[in-house]
Amino acid sequence: MSSQAKLKVTLVKSTIGRLEKHKACVAGLGLRKTGSSAVVIDTPENRGMINRVSYLLKVEEA
């Protein structure tokens, strides 16, 4: 499990006034408030959520 690639995602913009699908993607990544970070496994599902709300996030290799 530790050999899988991981990504650190940080919410840099607010979700206020965004589409419900985009808010759901942010919550699915484990992010709550602006400035919060989460480490997620690099899977196609997580990549899809990151791509959909990329304008709200900062993504780094973890």
N, C-alpha and C. Protein backbone atom coordinates (compact mmCIF):
# COMPACT_ATOMS: atom_id res chain seq x y z
N MET A 1 0.82 -1.19 0.00
CA MET A 1 0.00 0.00 0.00
C MET A 1 0.87 1.26 0.00
N SER A 2 1.98 1.25 0.70
CA SER A 2 2.81 2.44 0.76
C SER A 2 3.56 2.68 -0.54
N SER A 3 3.60 1.67 -1.44
CA SER A 3 4.31 1.85 -2.70
C SER A 3 3.49 2.62 -3.74
N GLN A 4 2.20 2.86 -3.46
CA GLN A 4 1.36 3.59 -4.40
C GLN A 4 1.71 5.08 -4.35
N ALA A 5 1.63 5.72 -5.52
CA ALA A 5 1.90 7.15 -5.59
C ALA A 5 0.81 7.92 -4.85
N LYS A 6 1.23 9.00 -4.19
CA LYS A 6 0.28 9.82 -3.45
C LYS A 6 0.40 11.26 -3.89
N LEU A 7 -0.71 11.98 -3.77
CA LEU A 7 -0.77 13.39 -4.13
C LEU A 7 -1.25 14.19 -2.93
N LYS A 8 -0.64 15.35 -2.73
CA LYS A 8 -1.11 16.26 -1.69
C LYS A 8 -1.93 17.34 -2.37
N VAL A 9 -3.20 17.44 -2.02
CA VAL A 9 -4.08 18.46 -2.61
C VAL A 9 -4.44 19.49 -1.54
N THR A 10 -4.41 20.75 -1.93
CA THR A 10 -4.72 21.86 -1.02
C THR A 10 -5.80 22.72 -1.66
N LEU A 11 -6.82 23.03 -0.89
CA LEU A 11 -7.91 23.89 -1.36
C LEU A 11 -7.46 25.34 -1.24
N VAL A 12 -7.31 26.05 -2.37
CA VAL A 12 -6.81 27.42 -2.34
C VAL A 12 -7.90 28.46 -2.63
N LYS A 13 -9.04 28.02 -3.14
CA LYS A 13 -10.16 28.93 -3.39
C LYS A 13 -11.41 28.37 -2.72
N SER A 14 -12.33 29.24 -2.37
CA SER A 14 -13.55 28.84 -1.68
C SER A 14 -14.52 28.11 -2.61
N THR A 15 -15.36 27.27 -2.01
CA THR A 15 -16.39 26.56 -2.77
C THR A 15 -17.73 27.31 -2.75
N ILE A 16 -17.77 28.47 -2.13
CA ILE A 16 -19.01 29.24 -2.07
C ILE A 16 -19.42 29.66 -3.48
N GLY A 17 -20.64 29.38 -3.85
CA GLY A 17 -21.16 29.77 -5.15
C GLY A 17 -20.77 28.85 -6.29
N ARG A 18 -20.14 27.72 -5.98
CA ARG A 18 -19.72 26.77 -7.03
C ARG A 18 -20.83 25.76 -7.28
N LEU A 19 -20.69 25.01 -8.35
CA LEU A 19 -21.66 23.97 -8.66
C LEU A 19 -21.65 22.87 -7.59
N GLU A 20 -22.81 22.26 -7.38
CA GLU A 20 -22.91 21.20 -6.37
C GLU A 20 -21.99 20.03 -6.67
N LYS A 21 -21.83 19.70 -7.96
CA LYS A 21 -20.92 18.60 -8.33
C LYS A 21 -19.48 18.94 -7.95
N HIS A 22 -19.11 20.20 -8.09
CA HIS A 22 -17.75 20.60 -7.75
C HIS A 22 -17.55 20.58 -6.24
N LYS A 23 -18.57 21.01 -5.49
CA LYS A 23 -18.49 20.93 -4.03
C LYS A 23 -18.36 19.49 -3.57
N ALA A 24 -19.08 18.58 -4.24
CA ALA A 24 -19.02 17.16 -3.89
C ALA A 24 -17.64 16.59 -4.18
N CYS A 25 -17.01 17.00 -5.25
CA CYS A 25 -15.66 16.54 -5.58
C CYS A 25 -14.67 17.00 -4.52
N VAL A 26 -14.79 18.26 -4.09
CA VAL A 26 -13.89 18.78 -3.06
C VAL A 26 -14.08 17.99 -1.76
N ALA A 27 -15.31 17.73 -1.38
CA ALA A 27 -15.58 16.95 -0.17
C ALA A 27 -15.08 15.52 -0.32
N GLY A 28 -15.22 14.96 -1.50
CA GLY A 28 -14.75 13.59 -1.75
C GLY A 28 -13.25 13.45 -1.64
N LEU A 29 -12.53 14.54 -1.87
CA LEU A 29 -11.08 14.53 -1.72
C LEU A 29 -10.66 14.75 -0.26
N GLY A 30 -11.63 15.00 0.60
CA GLY A 30 -11.32 15.16 2.03
C GLY A 30 -10.98 16.58 2.42
N LEU A 31 -11.40 17.55 1.62
CA LEU A 31 -11.10 18.95 1.90
C LEU A 31 -12.34 19.65 2.45
N ARG A 32 -12.12 20.54 3.43
CA ARG A 32 -13.25 21.25 4.03
C ARG A 32 -13.13 22.75 3.85
N LYS A 33 -12.14 23.35 4.52
CA LYS A 33 -11.99 24.79 4.49
C LYS A 33 -10.90 25.21 3.52
N THR A 34 -10.93 26.46 3.12
CA THR A 34 -9.86 27.01 2.30
C THR A 34 -8.54 26.89 3.07
N GLY A 35 -7.53 26.38 2.41
CA GLY A 35 -6.24 26.19 3.04
C GLY A 35 -6.03 24.80 3.60
N SER A 36 -7.08 23.98 3.64
CA SER A 36 -6.94 22.63 4.16
C SER A 36 -6.27 21.75 3.11
N SER A 37 -5.53 20.75 3.59
CA SER A 37 -4.80 19.84 2.71
C SER A 37 -5.17 18.40 3.03
N ALA A 38 -5.00 17.54 2.04
CA ALA A 38 -5.23 16.11 2.23
C ALA A 38 -4.27 15.37 1.31
N VAL A 39 -3.85 14.18 1.76
CA VAL A 39 -3.01 13.32 0.93
C VAL A 39 -3.91 12.20 0.42
N VAL A 40 -3.97 12.05 -0.90
CA VAL A 40 -4.82 11.03 -1.52
C VAL A 40 -3.97 10.13 -2.40
N ILE A 41 -4.43 8.92 -2.59
CA ILE A 41 -3.75 7.97 -3.47
C ILE A 41 -4.03 8.36 -4.92
N ASP A 42 -3.02 8.24 -5.76
CA ASP A 42 -3.14 8.63 -7.17
C ASP A 42 -3.85 7.52 -7.95
N THR A 43 -5.19 7.61 -7.98
CA THR A 43 -6.01 6.65 -8.72
C THR A 43 -6.76 7.40 -9.82
N PRO A 44 -7.27 6.70 -10.82
CA PRO A 44 -8.05 7.39 -11.86
C PRO A 44 -9.26 8.13 -11.30
N GLU A 45 -9.88 7.59 -10.25
CA GLU A 45 -11.05 8.23 -9.66
C GLU A 45 -10.66 9.56 -9.02
N ASN A 46 -9.58 9.55 -8.24
CA ASN A 46 -9.13 10.78 -7.60
C ASN A 46 -8.62 11.78 -8.63
N ARG A 47 -7.94 11.31 -9.67
CA ARG A 47 -7.47 12.18 -10.74
C ARG A 47 -8.64 12.88 -11.43
N GLY A 48 -9.74 12.15 -11.63
CA GLY A 48 -10.92 12.75 -12.25
C GLY A 48 -11.51 13.87 -11.41
N MET A 49 -11.57 13.64 -10.09
CA MET A 49 -12.09 14.69 -9.20
C MET A 49 -11.15 15.89 -9.19
N ILE A 50 -9.85 15.62 -9.17
CA ILE A 50 -8.87 16.71 -9.17
C ILE A 50 -8.96 17.51 -10.47
N ASN A 51 -9.10 16.83 -11.60
CA ASN A 51 -9.20 17.53 -12.88
C ASN A 51 -10.46 18.39 -12.96
N ARG A 52 -11.55 17.91 -12.39
CA ARG A 52 -12.81 18.65 -12.46
C ARG A 52 -12.73 19.95 -11.68
N VAL A 53 -12.05 19.96 -10.55
CA VAL A 53 -11.99 21.17 -9.71
C VAL A 53 -10.57 21.71 -9.62
N SER A 54 -9.80 21.53 -10.67
CA SER A 54 -8.39 21.95 -10.65
C SER A 54 -8.23 23.46 -10.43
N TYR A 55 -9.22 24.24 -10.81
CA TYR A 55 -9.16 25.69 -10.64
C TYR A 55 -9.29 26.10 -9.17
N LEU A 56 -9.65 25.17 -8.29
CA LEU A 56 -9.77 25.45 -6.86
C LEU A 56 -8.60 24.90 -6.06
N LEU A 57 -7.76 24.07 -6.68
CA LEU A 57 -6.77 23.29 -5.94
C LEU A 57 -5.34 23.62 -6.32
N LYS A 58 -4.45 23.25 -5.40
CA LYS A 58 -3.01 23.18 -5.68
C LYS A 58 -2.62 21.73 -5.43
N VAL A 59 -1.95 21.10 -6.40
CA VAL A 59 -1.62 19.68 -6.32
C VAL A 59 -0.10 19.52 -6.32
N GLU A 60 0.39 18.67 -5.39
CA GLU A 60 1.82 18.38 -5.29
C GLU A 60 2.01 16.89 -5.15
N GLU A 61 3.19 16.40 -5.53
CA GLU A 61 3.54 15.01 -5.29
C GLU A 61 3.84 14.86 -3.79
N ALA A 62 3.35 13.77 -3.20
CA ALA A 62 3.60 13.58 -1.77
C ALA A 62 4.53 12.42 -1.51
